[in-house]
């Protein structure tokens, strides 16, 4: 089963347009989320760039069925 990038670096960063967070869900329902850094959730950055929405997405991914991905070959 594939993993999905959910965050990427921007075109003005180095390296540009690279995945910085990804999720994976296996057929039996196991879930994994990998992020390059947790700095986005520290007090100085939490309100910047709408990082609270990213945290909300991550919580929904783990605790609800609202976030679902269709696995194709």
C-alpha atoms as a PDB file:
ATOM      1  CA  UNK A   1       0.000   0.000   0.000  1.00  0.00           C
ATOM      2  CA  UNK A   2       1.310   3.451  -0.809  1.00  0.00           C
ATOM      3  CA  UNK A   3       2.073   6.284   1.530  1.00  0.00           C
ATOM      4  CA  UNK A   4       0.756   9.763   0.833  1.00  0.00           C
ATOM      5  CA  UNK A   5       2.651  13.046   1.261  1.00  0.00           C
ATOM      6  CA  UNK A   6       0.427  15.502   3.136  1.00  0.00           C
ATOM      7  CA  UNK A   7       2.875  18.419   3.453  1.00  0.00           C
ATOM      8  CA  UNK A   8       5.634  19.571   1.149  1.00  0.00           C
ATOM      9  CA  UNK A   9       8.231  22.279   1.200  1.00  0.00           C
ATOM     10  CA  UNK A  10       7.421  25.260  -0.983  1.00  0.00           C
ATOM     11  CA  UNK A  11       8.927  26.306  -4.285  1.00  0.00           C
ATOM     12  CA  UNK A  12      10.993  29.026  -2.582  1.00  0.00           C
ATOM     13  CA  UNK A  13      12.709  26.689  -0.099  1.00  0.00           C
ATOM     14  CA  UNK A  14      15.682  24.399  -0.417  1.00  0.00           C
ATOM     15  CA  UNK A  15      15.165  21.633  -1.272  1.00  0.00           C
ATOM     16  CA  UNK A  16      12.056  22.778  -3.093  1.00  0.00           C
ATOM     17  CA  UNK A  17       8.796  20.876  -3.373  1.00  0.00           C
ATOM     18  CA  UNK A  18       9.876  17.927  -1.211  1.00  0.00           C
ATOM     19  CA  UNK A  19       7.600  15.932   1.127  1.00  0.00           C
ATOM     20  CA  UNK A  20       8.011  16.887   4.788  1.00  0.00           C
ATOM     21  CA  UNK A  21       5.122  14.860   6.227  1.00  0.00           C
ATOM     22  CA  UNK A  22       3.428  11.670   5.041  1.00  0.00           C
ATOM     23  CA  UNK A  23       0.790   9.202   6.165  1.00  0.00           C
ATOM     24  CA  UNK A  24       0.336   5.493   5.654  1.00  0.00           C
ATOM     25  CA  UNK A  25      -2.616   3.230   6.405  1.00  0.00           C
ATOM     26  CA  UNK A  26      -2.440  -0.539   5.945  1.00  0.00           C
ATOM     27  CA  UNK A  27      -5.259  -2.892   4.994  1.00  0.00           C
ATOM     28  CA  UNK A  28      -5.833  -3.985   8.590  1.00  0.00           C
ATOM     29  CA  UNK A  29      -6.383  -0.376   9.715  1.00  0.00           C
ATOM     30  CA  UNK A  30      -2.967   0.471  11.164  1.00  0.00           C
ATOM     31  CA  UNK A  31      -2.045   4.141  10.744  1.00  0.00           C
ATOM     32  CA  UNK A  32       1.305   5.916  10.651  1.00  0.00           C
ATOM     33  CA  UNK A  33       2.086   9.610  10.301  1.00  0.00           C
ATOM     34  CA  UNK A  34       5.675  10.760   9.842  1.00  0.00           C
ATOM     35  CA  UNK A  35       6.721  14.421  10.017  1.00  0.00           C
ATOM     36  CA  UNK A  36      10.161  15.902   9.534  1.00  0.00           C
ATOM     37  CA  UNK A  37       9.802  18.184  12.564  1.00  0.00           C
ATOM     38  CA  UNK A  38       7.388  19.028  15.350  1.00  0.00           C
ATOM     39  CA  UNK A  39       8.512  22.662  15.384  1.00  0.00           C
ATOM     40  CA  UNK A  40       5.270  23.670  13.643  1.00  0.00           C
ATOM     41  CA  UNK A  41       3.380  22.806  16.829  1.00  0.00           C
ATOM     42  CA  UNK A  42       5.526  24.835  19.235  1.00  0.00           C
ATOM     43  CA  UNK A  43       4.093  28.062  20.658  1.00  0.00           C
ATOM     44  CA  UNK A  44       6.071  30.344  18.329  1.00  0.00           C
ATOM     45  CA  UNK A  45       4.764  28.667  15.164  1.00  0.00           C
ATOM     46  CA  UNK A  46       1.384  27.173  16.092  1.00  0.00           C
ATOM     47  CA  UNK A  47      -0.661  30.187  14.930  1.00  0.00           C
ATOM     48  CA  UNK A  48       1.560  30.853  11.888  1.00  0.00           C
ATOM     49  CA  UNK A  49       0.689  29.370   8.519  1.00  0.00           C
ATOM     50  CA  UNK A  50      -2.473  27.860  10.010  1.00  0.00           C
ATOM     51  CA  UNK A  51      -0.562  25.036  11.704  1.00  0.00           C
ATOM     52  CA  UNK A  52      -3.565  24.466  13.983  1.00  0.00           C
ATOM     53  CA  UNK A  53      -5.405  23.103  10.922  1.00  0.00           C
ATOM     54  CA  UNK A  54      -2.582  20.640  10.332  1.00  0.00           C
ATOM     55  CA  UNK A  55      -2.854  19.432  13.920  1.00  0.00           C
ATOM     56  CA  UNK A  56      -6.632  19.084  13.537  1.00  0.00           C
ATOM     57  CA  UNK A  57      -6.135  16.990  10.392  1.00  0.00           C
ATOM     58  CA  UNK A  58      -3.650  14.730  12.179  1.00  0.00           C
ATOM     59  CA  UNK A  59      -6.006  14.178  15.097  1.00  0.00           C
ATOM     60  CA  UNK A  60      -8.887  13.394  12.734  1.00  0.00           C
ATOM     61  CA  UNK A  61      -6.675  10.956  10.823  1.00  0.00           C
ATOM     62  CA  UNK A  62      -5.961   8.935  13.966  1.00  0.00           C
ATOM     63  CA  UNK A  63      -9.193   9.247  15.933  1.00  0.00           C
ATOM     64  CA  UNK A  64     -12.014   9.391  13.383  1.00  0.00           C
ATOM     65  CA  UNK A  65     -13.021   7.934  10.046  1.00  0.00           C
ATOM     66  CA  UNK A  66     -13.365  11.405   8.457  1.00  0.00           C
ATOM     67  CA  UNK A  67      -9.967  11.153   6.751  1.00  0.00           C
ATOM     68  CA  UNK A  68      -9.898   8.270   4.284  1.00  0.00           C
ATOM     69  CA  UNK A  69      -7.763   7.511   1.276  1.00  0.00           C
ATOM     70  CA  UNK A  70      -8.560   5.311  -1.641  1.00  0.00           C
ATOM     71  CA  UNK A  71      -5.781   2.847  -2.332  1.00  0.00           C
ATOM     72  CA  UNK A  72      -5.210   2.145  -6.016  1.00  0.00           C
ATOM     73  CA  UNK A  73      -2.478   0.317  -7.856  1.00  0.00           C
END
